[in-house]
Amino acid sequence: MNLNGARLVCECLGISAADFMKAIAGFKGASKRLELVGKNEHSAFYKDFAHSPSKLKATIEAVKEQFPQRELVACMELHTYSSLNSDFLDHYHACMEKADKAIVFYSAHALEIKKMPPLPENKVKESFGREDIMVFTNKEKLLEFLEGLDWKGKNLLMMSSGNFDGLDFFSFAKKLGVIKQ
């Protein structure tokens, strides 16, 4: 829809469809929006700025649609004031239903910085509406889990407005084998 909107604006400005198509062919996309970190012949690793319930749902659906034959491991970080607010969490209900594996991460450090009360893991699980959702509050345990998966035929999607408590995406992608050493 955004692409078509841009085309229509260009048309109103007198830019021909041919010139538009020629120029858009080189467009790499917006930074931090479904950004490819690395890929190989059987998996891909994306990160995305998605953090609101609607963006989370749309991003997951887009990756699943692009790779229907691959399992999708979708991990989102609760990082904003609203997402870390227990009263807001119910807005996330069913937004990760298209992910084959759904993971939510948040850190006590983020809660401390924002001077917010502790967030019970069971409240997070209940709010997302998936019995099988995994919740991590420790970056090392999250990494250990992800590194332990067999990535053949799987894609990883990491979504946040934060940085997963300082996760080095490039080094992690190397460990997963989607970036050459």
N, C-alpha and C. Protein backbone atom coordinates (compact mmCIF):
# COMPACT_ATOMS: atom_id res chain seq x y z
N MET A 1 0.82 -1.19 0.00
CA MET A 1 0.00 0.00 0.00
C MET A 1 0.87 1.26 0.00
N ASN A 2 1.97 1.22 0.76
CA ASN A 2 2.86 2.39 0.78
C ASN A 2 3.49 2.61 -0.58
N LEU A 3 3.88 1.53 -1.22
CA LEU A 3 4.50 1.63 -2.54
C LEU A 3 3.52 2.22 -3.55
N ASN A 4 2.29 1.75 -3.52
CA ASN A 4 1.29 2.27 -4.44
C ASN A 4 0.99 3.74 -4.13
N GLY A 5 0.96 4.09 -2.85
CA GLY A 5 0.76 5.49 -2.47
C GLY A 5 1.86 6.38 -3.01
N ALA A 6 3.09 5.90 -2.92
CA ALA A 6 4.23 6.67 -3.46
C ALA A 6 4.11 6.81 -4.97
N ARG A 7 3.68 5.75 -5.63
CA ARG A 7 3.51 5.80 -7.08
C ARG A 7 2.46 6.84 -7.46
N LEU A 8 1.35 6.86 -6.72
CA LEU A 8 0.28 7.80 -7.03
C LEU A 8 0.71 9.26 -6.79
N VAL A 9 1.47 9.49 -5.73
CA VAL A 9 1.99 10.84 -5.47
C VAL A 9 2.92 11.26 -6.60
N CYS A 10 3.80 10.36 -7.01
CA CYS A 10 4.71 10.67 -8.11
C CYS A 10 3.95 10.96 -9.40
N GLU A 11 2.89 10.20 -9.61
CA GLU A 11 2.06 10.43 -10.80
C GLU A 11 1.46 11.84 -10.77
N CYS A 12 0.99 12.26 -9.60
CA CYS A 12 0.43 13.62 -9.44
C CYS A 12 1.50 14.69 -9.68
N LEU A 13 2.75 14.35 -9.39
CA LEU A 13 3.85 15.30 -9.58
C LEU A 13 4.41 15.27 -11.00
N GLY A 14 3.81 14.42 -11.85
CA GLY A 14 4.23 14.36 -13.24
C GLY A 14 5.36 13.38 -13.52
N ILE A 15 5.65 12.50 -12.58
CA ILE A 15 6.70 11.49 -12.80
C ILE A 15 6.06 10.28 -13.45
N SER A 16 6.62 9.85 -14.55
CA SER A 16 6.03 8.74 -15.31
C SER A 16 6.13 7.42 -14.53
N ALA A 17 5.24 6.50 -14.84
CA ALA A 17 5.25 5.17 -14.21
C ALA A 17 6.58 4.47 -14.50
N ALA A 18 7.10 4.63 -15.70
CA ALA A 18 8.36 3.99 -16.07
C ALA A 18 9.52 4.53 -15.22
N ASP A 19 9.56 5.85 -15.02
CA ASP A 19 10.61 6.45 -14.19
C ASP A 19 10.47 6.01 -12.73
N PHE A 20 9.23 5.94 -12.27
CA PHE A 20 8.98 5.49 -10.90
C PHE A 20 9.50 4.06 -10.71
N MET A 21 9.12 3.17 -11.62
CA MET A 21 9.53 1.76 -11.52
C MET A 21 11.04 1.61 -11.58
N LYS A 22 11.67 2.41 -12.39
CA LYS A 22 13.13 2.36 -12.51
C LYS A 22 13.78 2.81 -11.19
N ALA A 23 13.25 3.85 -10.61
CA ALA A 23 13.82 4.38 -9.36
C ALA A 23 13.53 3.47 -8.17
N ILE A 24 12.34 2.92 -8.10
CA ILE A 24 11.95 2.11 -6.93
C ILE A 24 12.69 0.77 -6.91
N ALA A 25 13.17 0.32 -8.05
CA ALA A 25 13.89 -0.95 -8.12
C ALA A 25 15.12 -0.96 -7.21
N GLY A 26 15.70 0.20 -6.98
CA GLY A 26 16.89 0.28 -6.13
C GLY A 26 16.59 0.61 -4.67
N PHE A 27 15.32 0.77 -4.33
CA PHE A 27 14.94 1.12 -2.95
C PHE A 27 15.18 -0.08 -2.03
N LYS A 28 15.98 0.11 -1.01
CA LYS A 28 16.37 -0.97 -0.10
C LYS A 28 15.38 -1.14 1.06
N GLY A 29 14.45 -0.23 1.21
CA GLY A 29 13.51 -0.32 2.32
C GLY A 29 13.92 0.62 3.44
N ALA A 30 13.01 0.81 4.38
CA ALA A 30 13.28 1.70 5.51
C ALA A 30 14.17 1.01 6.53
N SER A 31 15.04 1.77 7.13
CA SER A 31 15.93 1.23 8.15
C SER A 31 15.12 0.66 9.31
N LYS A 32 15.55 -0.46 9.81
CA LYS A 32 14.94 -1.14 10.96
C LYS A 32 13.54 -1.67 10.69
N ARG A 33 13.13 -1.70 9.46
CA ARG A 33 11.83 -2.26 9.09
C ARG A 33 12.07 -3.54 8.31
N LEU A 34 11.81 -4.65 8.92
CA LEU A 34 12.04 -5.96 8.34
C LEU A 34 13.43 -6.03 7.70
N GLU A 35 14.40 -5.67 8.50
CA GLU A 35 15.79 -5.61 8.07
C GLU A 35 16.43 -7.00 8.10
N LEU A 36 16.95 -7.43 6.97
CA LEU A 36 17.61 -8.73 6.89
C LEU A 36 18.98 -8.64 7.55
N VAL A 37 19.18 -9.41 8.60
CA VAL A 37 20.47 -9.45 9.29
C VAL A 37 21.39 -10.42 8.57
N GLY A 38 20.83 -11.54 8.12
CA GLY A 38 21.61 -12.53 7.39
C GLY A 38 20.73 -13.68 6.94
N LYS A 39 21.22 -14.44 5.97
CA LYS A 39 20.46 -15.59 5.48
C LYS A 39 21.42 -16.62 4.89
N ASN A 40 20.93 -17.83 4.79
CA ASN A 40 21.63 -18.87 4.06
C ASN A 40 20.59 -19.63 3.25
N GLU A 41 20.94 -20.79 2.72
CA GLU A 41 20.02 -21.49 1.82
C GLU A 41 18.76 -22.02 2.50
N HIS A 42 18.75 -22.12 3.82
CA HIS A 42 17.60 -22.72 4.49
C HIS A 42 17.02 -21.90 5.65
N SER A 43 17.56 -20.70 5.91
CA SER A 43 17.01 -19.86 6.97
C SER A 43 17.38 -18.40 6.77
N ALA A 44 16.63 -17.54 7.44
CA ALA A 44 16.90 -16.11 7.38
C ALA A 44 16.65 -15.51 8.76
N PHE A 45 17.35 -14.43 9.05
CA PHE A 45 17.24 -13.75 10.34
C PHE A 45 16.90 -12.29 10.05
N TYR A 46 15.73 -11.86 10.53
CA TYR A 46 15.27 -10.49 10.36
C TYR A 46 15.12 -9.81 11.70
N LYS A 47 15.33 -8.50 11.71
CA LYS A 47 14.96 -7.71 12.88
C LYS A 47 14.02 -6.61 12.39
N ASP A 48 13.15 -6.20 13.30
CA ASP A 48 12.15 -5.21 12.92
C ASP A 48 11.84 -4.34 14.12
N PHE A 49 11.49 -3.10 13.84
CA PHE A 49 11.16 -2.12 14.87
C PHE A 49 9.78 -2.38 15.48
N ALA A 50 9.04 -3.35 14.95
CA ALA A 50 7.67 -3.60 15.42
C ALA A 50 7.63 -3.82 16.92
N HIS A 51 6.70 -3.15 17.57
CA HIS A 51 6.51 -3.37 19.00
C HIS A 51 5.06 -3.19 19.42
N SER A 52 4.26 -2.48 18.63
CA SER A 52 2.84 -2.34 18.95
C SER A 52 2.13 -3.62 18.51
N PRO A 53 1.00 -3.93 19.12
CA PRO A 53 0.29 -5.16 18.74
C PRO A 53 -0.02 -5.27 17.24
N SER A 54 -0.51 -4.19 16.63
CA SER A 54 -0.86 -4.27 15.21
C SER A 54 0.38 -4.45 14.33
N LYS A 55 1.48 -3.79 14.66
CA LYS A 55 2.71 -3.93 13.87
C LYS A 55 3.31 -5.33 14.04
N LEU A 56 3.24 -5.85 15.25
CA LEU A 56 3.73 -7.20 15.53
C LEU A 56 2.99 -8.21 14.65
N LYS A 57 1.68 -8.11 14.67
CA LYS A 57 0.84 -9.03 13.89
C LYS A 57 1.14 -8.91 12.40
N ALA A 58 1.22 -7.69 11.89
CA ALA A 58 1.46 -7.46 10.46
C ALA A 58 2.84 -7.96 10.04
N THR A 59 3.84 -7.74 10.87
CA THR A 59 5.20 -8.17 10.53
C THR A 59 5.30 -9.69 10.51
N ILE A 60 4.72 -10.34 11.50
CA ILE A 60 4.72 -11.81 11.54
C ILE A 60 4.01 -12.36 10.31
N GLU A 61 2.85 -11.81 9.98
CA GLU A 61 2.10 -12.28 8.82
C GLU A 61 2.89 -12.07 7.53
N ALA A 62 3.61 -10.97 7.41
CA ALA A 62 4.39 -10.69 6.20
C ALA A 62 5.51 -11.72 6.01
N VAL A 63 6.21 -12.06 7.09
CA VAL A 63 7.30 -13.04 6.98
C VAL A 63 6.74 -14.43 6.70
N LYS A 64 5.63 -14.79 7.35
CA LYS A 64 5.01 -16.09 7.09
C LYS A 64 4.53 -16.20 5.65
N GLU A 65 3.98 -15.10 5.13
CA GLU A 65 3.51 -15.10 3.75
C GLU A 65 4.67 -15.23 2.77
N GLN A 66 5.79 -14.59 3.08
CA GLN A 66 6.95 -14.65 2.20
C GLN A 66 7.62 -16.02 2.22
N PHE A 67 7.58 -16.70 3.36
CA PHE A 67 8.23 -18.01 3.52
C PHE A 67 7.25 -19.02 4.12
N PRO A 68 6.20 -19.38 3.40
CA PRO A 68 5.19 -20.28 3.98
C PRO A 68 5.73 -21.67 4.30
N GLN A 69 6.79 -22.09 3.63
CA GLN A 69 7.35 -23.42 3.83
C GLN A 69 8.28 -23.49 5.04
N ARG A 70 8.64 -22.35 5.61
CA ARG A 70 9.56 -22.33 6.74
C ARG A 70 8.83 -22.07 8.06
N GLU A 71 9.34 -22.68 9.10
CA GLU A 71 8.83 -22.41 10.44
C GLU A 71 9.31 -21.02 10.85
N LEU A 72 8.44 -20.26 11.51
CA LEU A 72 8.81 -18.93 11.95
C LEU A 72 8.94 -18.88 13.47
N VAL A 73 10.12 -18.49 13.91
CA VAL A 73 10.38 -18.25 15.33
C VAL A 73 10.34 -16.73 15.49
N ALA A 74 9.29 -16.26 16.15
CA ALA A 74 9.09 -14.82 16.32
C ALA A 74 9.33 -14.45 17.77
N CYS A 75 10.22 -13.49 17.97
CA CYS A 75 10.58 -13.05 19.31
C CYS A 75 10.38 -11.54 19.39
N MET A 76 9.61 -11.11 20.38
CA MET A 76 9.41 -9.68 20.55
C MET A 76 9.84 -9.26 21.94
N GLU A 77 10.32 -8.03 22.02
CA GLU A 77 10.74 -7.48 23.30
C GLU A 77 9.72 -6.46 23.78
N LEU A 78 9.25 -6.66 25.01
CA LEU A 78 8.44 -5.64 25.67
C LEU A 78 9.44 -4.61 26.17
N HIS A 79 9.34 -3.39 25.66
CA HIS A 79 10.37 -2.40 25.96
C HIS A 79 9.82 -1.01 26.25
N THR A 80 8.67 -0.69 25.67
CA THR A 80 8.11 0.65 25.84
C THR A 80 7.34 0.73 27.16
N TYR A 81 7.04 1.94 27.58
CA TYR A 81 6.24 2.14 28.79
C TYR A 81 4.91 1.41 28.68
N SER A 82 4.26 1.55 27.52
CA SER A 82 2.95 0.91 27.38
C SER A 82 3.07 -0.61 27.37
N SER A 83 4.04 -1.15 26.62
CA SER A 83 4.13 -2.61 26.52
C SER A 83 4.52 -3.26 27.84
N LEU A 84 5.23 -2.54 28.69
CA LEU A 84 5.61 -3.07 29.99
C LEU A 84 4.54 -2.83 31.05
N ASN A 85 3.46 -2.19 30.66
CA ASN A 85 2.37 -1.89 31.57
C ASN A 85 1.40 -3.07 31.60
N SER A 86 1.22 -3.65 32.75
CA SER A 86 0.35 -4.81 32.92
C SER A 86 -1.06 -4.56 32.38
N ASP A 87 -1.55 -3.35 32.51
CA ASP A 87 -2.90 -3.02 32.04
C ASP A 87 -3.00 -2.98 30.51
N PHE A 88 -1.88 -2.75 29.84
CA PHE A 88 -1.88 -2.65 28.37
C PHE A 88 -1.68 -4.01 27.70
N LEU A 89 -1.08 -4.95 28.41
CA LEU A 89 -0.68 -6.23 27.81
C LEU A 89 -1.79 -6.97 27.07
N ASP A 90 -3.03 -6.84 27.54
CA ASP A 90 -4.12 -7.57 26.88
C ASP A 90 -4.32 -7.15 25.42
N HIS A 91 -3.80 -6.00 25.04
CA HIS A 91 -3.89 -5.57 23.63
C HIS A 91 -3.06 -6.48 22.72
N TYR A 92 -2.14 -7.24 23.29
CA TYR A 92 -1.31 -8.16 22.50
C TYR A 92 -1.99 -9.50 22.23
N HIS A 93 -3.19 -9.68 22.75
CA HIS A 93 -3.88 -10.96 22.60
C HIS A 93 -3.95 -11.38 21.12
N ALA A 94 -3.48 -12.58 20.84
CA ALA A 94 -3.54 -13.22 19.51
C ALA A 94 -2.68 -12.55 18.43
N CYS A 95 -1.85 -11.57 18.79
CA CYS A 95 -1.07 -10.89 17.75
C CYS A 95 0.11 -11.74 17.25
N MET A 96 0.44 -12.83 17.96
CA MET A 96 1.54 -13.68 17.51
C MET A 96 1.05 -15.06 17.09
N GLU A 97 -0.23 -15.17 16.77
CA GLU A 97 -0.80 -16.48 16.47
C GLU A 97 -0.24 -17.13 15.20
N LYS A 98 0.25 -16.36 14.25
CA LYS A 98 0.78 -16.93 13.00
C LYS A 98 2.22 -17.43 13.15
N ALA A 99 2.87 -17.10 14.25
CA ALA A 99 4.24 -17.57 14.49
C ALA A 99 4.19 -19.04 14.92
N ASP A 100 5.12 -19.83 14.42
CA ASP A 100 5.18 -21.24 14.83
C ASP A 100 5.71 -21.37 16.25
N LYS A 101 6.68 -20.54 16.58
CA LYS A 101 7.19 -20.43 17.95
C LYS A 101 7.11 -18.96 18.31
N ALA A 102 6.43 -18.67 19.41
CA ALA A 102 6.28 -17.28 19.85
C ALA A 102 7.05 -17.09 21.15
N ILE A 103 7.86 -16.03 21.17
CA ILE A 103 8.70 -15.75 22.33
C ILE A 103 8.54 -14.28 22.71
N VAL A 104 8.42 -14.02 24.00
CA VAL A 104 8.39 -12.66 24.51
C VAL A 104 9.57 -12.50 25.46
N PHE A 105 10.29 -11.40 25.30
CA PHE A 105 11.43 -11.09 26.15
C PHE A 105 11.20 -9.73 26.80
N TYR A 106 11.57 -9.61 28.05
CA TYR A 106 11.64 -8.31 28.72
C TYR A 106 12.63 -8.45 29.85
N SER A 107 13.23 -7.34 30.23
CA SER A 107 14.25 -7.39 31.27
C SER A 107 13.84 -6.59 32.50
N ALA A 108 14.29 -7.06 33.63
CA ALA A 108 14.07 -6.33 34.88
C ALA A 108 14.73 -4.96 34.78
N HIS A 109 15.84 -4.90 34.06
CA HIS A 109 16.57 -3.64 33.89
C HIS A 109 15.69 -2.58 33.22
N ALA A 110 14.95 -2.98 32.17
CA ALA A 110 14.05 -2.04 31.48
C ALA A 110 12.96 -1.55 32.43
N LEU A 111 12.44 -2.46 33.25
CA LEU A 111 11.42 -2.07 34.22
C LEU A 111 11.99 -1.10 35.25
N GLU A 112 13.21 -1.36 35.71
CA GLU A 112 13.86 -0.48 36.70
C GLU A 112 14.08 0.91 36.14
N ILE A 113 14.61 0.99 34.92
CA ILE A 113 14.89 2.28 34.28
C ILE A 113 13.61 3.12 34.18
N LYS A 114 12.52 2.45 33.85
CA LYS A 114 11.25 3.14 33.66
C LYS A 114 10.48 3.28 34.97
N LYS A 115 11.09 2.81 36.07
CA LYS A 115 10.47 2.88 37.40
C LYS A 115 9.08 2.24 37.39
N MET A 116 9.02 1.05 36.80
CA MET A 116 7.77 0.32 36.70
C MET A 116 7.81 -0.90 37.62
N PRO A 117 6.65 -1.35 38.08
CA PRO A 117 6.62 -2.51 38.97
C PRO A 117 6.99 -3.79 38.22
N PRO A 118 7.37 -4.82 38.95
CA PRO A 118 7.67 -6.10 38.30
C PRO A 118 6.49 -6.58 37.46
N LEU A 119 6.79 -7.32 36.42
CA LEU A 119 5.77 -7.82 35.50
C LEU A 119 5.78 -9.35 35.59
N PRO A 120 4.74 -9.95 36.14
CA PRO A 120 4.72 -11.40 36.29
C PRO A 120 4.67 -12.11 34.93
N GLU A 121 5.49 -13.15 34.78
CA GLU A 121 5.53 -13.91 33.52
C GLU A 121 4.17 -14.50 33.18
N ASN A 122 3.44 -14.96 34.20
CA ASN A 122 2.13 -15.57 33.91
C ASN A 122 1.15 -14.54 33.34
N LYS A 123 1.27 -13.29 33.71
CA LYS A 123 0.43 -12.23 33.14
C LYS A 123 0.76 -12.03 31.66
N VAL A 124 2.05 -12.09 31.33
CA VAL A 124 2.47 -11.95 29.93
C VAL A 124 1.90 -13.11 29.11
N LYS A 125 2.07 -14.33 29.59
CA LYS A 125 1.56 -15.52 28.87
C LYS A 125 0.05 -15.41 28.66
N GLU A 126 -0.66 -15.08 29.70
CA GLU A 126 -2.11 -14.97 29.66
C GLU A 126 -2.54 -13.88 28.66
N SER A 127 -1.87 -12.76 28.66
CA SER A 127 -2.24 -11.64 27.80
C SER A 127 -2.06 -11.95 26.32
N PHE A 128 -1.02 -12.68 25.96
CA PHE A 128 -0.78 -13.00 24.55
C PHE A 128 -1.73 -14.08 24.04
N GLY A 129 -2.34 -14.81 24.95
CA GLY A 129 -3.36 -15.78 24.57
C GLY A 129 -2.83 -17.03 23.89
N ARG A 130 -1.58 -17.40 24.19
CA ARG A 130 -1.00 -18.62 23.64
C ARG A 130 -0.44 -19.45 24.79
N GLU A 131 -0.94 -20.65 24.91
CA GLU A 131 -0.45 -21.51 25.98
C GLU A 131 1.02 -21.87 25.78
N ASP A 132 1.44 -21.92 24.52
CA ASP A 132 2.82 -22.35 24.22
C ASP A 132 3.82 -21.20 24.13
N ILE A 133 3.39 -19.98 24.41
CA ILE A 133 4.31 -18.85 24.30
C ILE A 133 5.42 -19.00 25.34
N MET A 134 6.62 -18.65 24.94
CA MET A 134 7.76 -18.71 25.85
C MET A 134 8.09 -17.30 26.30
N VAL A 135 8.39 -17.16 27.58
CA VAL A 135 8.73 -15.85 28.13
C VAL A 135 10.13 -15.94 28.74
N PHE A 136 10.99 -14.99 28.33
CA PHE A 136 12.35 -14.91 28.87
C PHE A 136 12.55 -13.53 29.47
N THR A 137 13.20 -13.49 30.60
CA THR A 137 13.55 -12.22 31.24
C THR A 137 15.06 -12.08 31.38
N ASN A 138 15.78 -13.03 30.82
CA ASN A 138 17.24 -13.05 30.89
C ASN A 138 17.78 -13.24 29.48
N LYS A 139 18.58 -12.29 29.01
CA LYS A 139 19.10 -12.33 27.63
C LYS A 139 19.94 -13.58 27.37
N GLU A 140 20.75 -13.98 28.33
CA GLU A 140 21.61 -15.14 28.13
C GLU A 140 20.78 -16.42 27.96
N LYS A 141 19.71 -16.55 28.74
CA LYS A 141 18.84 -17.73 28.61
C LYS A 141 18.10 -17.72 27.27
N LEU A 142 17.70 -16.55 26.82
CA LEU A 142 17.07 -16.43 25.51
C LEU A 142 18.04 -16.87 24.43
N LEU A 143 19.26 -16.36 24.47
CA LEU A 143 20.27 -16.72 23.48
C LEU A 143 20.57 -18.22 23.52
N GLU A 144 20.68 -18.76 24.71
CA GLU A 144 20.94 -20.20 24.86
C GLU A 144 19.83 -21.01 24.19
N PHE A 145 18.60 -20.61 24.42
CA PHE A 145 17.47 -21.31 23.79
C PHE A 145 17.55 -21.20 22.27
N LEU A 146 17.72 -19.99 21.75
CA LEU A 146 17.75 -19.78 20.30
C LEU A 146 18.93 -20.50 19.65
N GLU A 147 20.09 -20.46 20.29
CA GLU A 147 21.27 -21.14 19.74
C GLU A 147 21.09 -22.65 19.75
N GLY A 148 20.25 -23.16 20.62
CA GLY A 148 20.01 -24.61 20.71
C GLY A 148 19.03 -25.15 19.68
N LEU A 149 18.37 -24.28 18.95
CA LEU A 149 17.42 -24.73 17.93
C LEU A 149 18.15 -25.16 16.66
N ASP A 150 17.56 -26.10 15.96
CA ASP A 150 18.04 -26.48 14.63
C ASP A 150 17.40 -25.50 13.66
N TRP A 151 18.21 -24.69 12.99
CA TRP A 151 17.69 -23.60 12.16
C TRP A 151 17.40 -24.00 10.72
N LYS A 152 17.59 -25.26 10.39
CA LYS A 152 17.28 -25.69 9.02
C LYS A 152 15.76 -25.62 8.81
N GLY A 153 15.36 -24.83 7.83
CA GLY A 153 13.93 -24.69 7.53
C GLY A 153 13.19 -23.74 8.46
N LYS A 154 13.95 -22.89 9.15
CA LYS A 154 13.34 -21.94 10.07
C LYS A 154 13.85 -20.53 9.79
N ASN A 155 13.00 -19.55 10.09
CA ASN A 155 13.40 -18.14 10.05
C ASN A 155 13.26 -17.57 11.44
N LEU A 156 14.09 -16.59 11.75
CA LEU A 156 14.04 -15.90 13.03
C LEU A 156 13.65 -14.45 12.79
N LEU A 157 12.69 -13.98 13.55
CA LEU A 157 12.23 -12.60 13.48
C LEU A 157 12.31 -12.01 14.88
N MET A 158 13.18 -11.01 15.06
CA MET A 158 13.35 -10.34 16.35
C MET A 158 12.74 -8.95 16.22
N MET A 159 11.75 -8.64 17.08
CA MET A 159 11.00 -7.39 16.95
C MET A 159 11.06 -6.59 18.25
N SER A 160 11.43 -5.31 18.13
CA SER A 160 11.53 -4.46 19.31
C SER A 160 11.80 -3.02 18.91
N SER A 161 11.46 -2.11 19.81
CA SER A 161 11.90 -0.73 19.67
C SER A 161 13.15 -0.55 20.52
N GLY A 162 13.56 -1.59 21.20
CA GLY A 162 14.76 -1.57 22.03
C GLY A 162 15.88 -2.36 21.37
N ASN A 163 16.70 -3.00 22.20
CA ASN A 163 17.84 -3.75 21.65
C ASN A 163 18.04 -5.10 22.34
N PHE A 164 16.98 -5.65 22.91
CA PHE A 164 17.05 -6.94 23.59
C PHE A 164 18.17 -6.95 24.62
N ASP A 165 18.18 -5.90 25.44
CA ASP A 165 19.13 -5.78 26.54
C ASP A 165 20.58 -5.80 26.05
N GLY A 166 20.82 -5.18 24.89
CA GLY A 166 22.19 -5.06 24.36
C GLY A 166 22.63 -6.22 23.47
N LEU A 167 21.71 -6.98 22.94
CA LEU A 167 22.06 -8.11 22.08
C LEU A 167 22.83 -7.63 20.85
N ASP A 168 23.95 -8.28 20.58
CA ASP A 168 24.76 -8.00 19.39
C ASP A 168 24.21 -8.87 18.26
N PHE A 169 23.34 -8.29 17.44
CA PHE A 169 22.67 -9.04 16.38
C PHE A 169 23.65 -9.64 15.38
N PHE A 170 24.71 -8.92 15.05
CA PHE A 170 25.67 -9.41 14.07
C PHE A 170 26.37 -10.66 14.58
N SER A 171 26.88 -10.62 15.81
CA SER A 171 27.56 -11.79 16.39
C SER A 171 26.60 -12.96 16.52
N PHE A 172 25.38 -12.67 16.91
CA PHE A 172 24.38 -13.72 17.06
C PHE A 172 24.07 -14.36 15.71
N ALA A 173 23.95 -13.55 14.66
CA ALA A 173 23.69 -14.07 13.32
C ALA A 173 24.83 -14.98 12.86
N LYS A 174 26.07 -14.64 13.22
CA LYS A 174 27.21 -15.49 12.89
C LYS A 174 27.08 -16.85 13.57
N LYS A 175 26.69 -16.83 14.85
CA LYS A 175 26.51 -18.09 15.58
C LYS A 175 25.43 -18.97 14.96
N LEU A 176 24.39 -18.33 14.43
CA LEU A 176 23.31 -19.07 13.79
C LEU A 176 23.69 -19.56 12.40
N GLY A 177 24.80 -19.05 11.89
CA GLY A 177 25.27 -19.49 10.58
C GLY A 177 24.61 -18.78 9.41
N VAL A 178 23.98 -17.64 9.65
CA VAL A 178 23.35 -16.90 8.55
C VAL A 178 24.24 -15.79 8.04
N ILE A 179 25.37 -15.59 8.70
CA ILE A 179 26.41 -14.68 8.23
C ILE A 179 27.71 -15.46 8.25
N LYS A 180 28.43 -15.40 7.17
CA LYS A 180 29.71 -16.12 7.07
C LYS A 180 30.72 -15.51 8.05
N GLN A 181 31.55 -16.35 8.60
CA GLN A 181 32.57 -15.93 9.58
C GLN A 181 33.55 -14.95 8.97
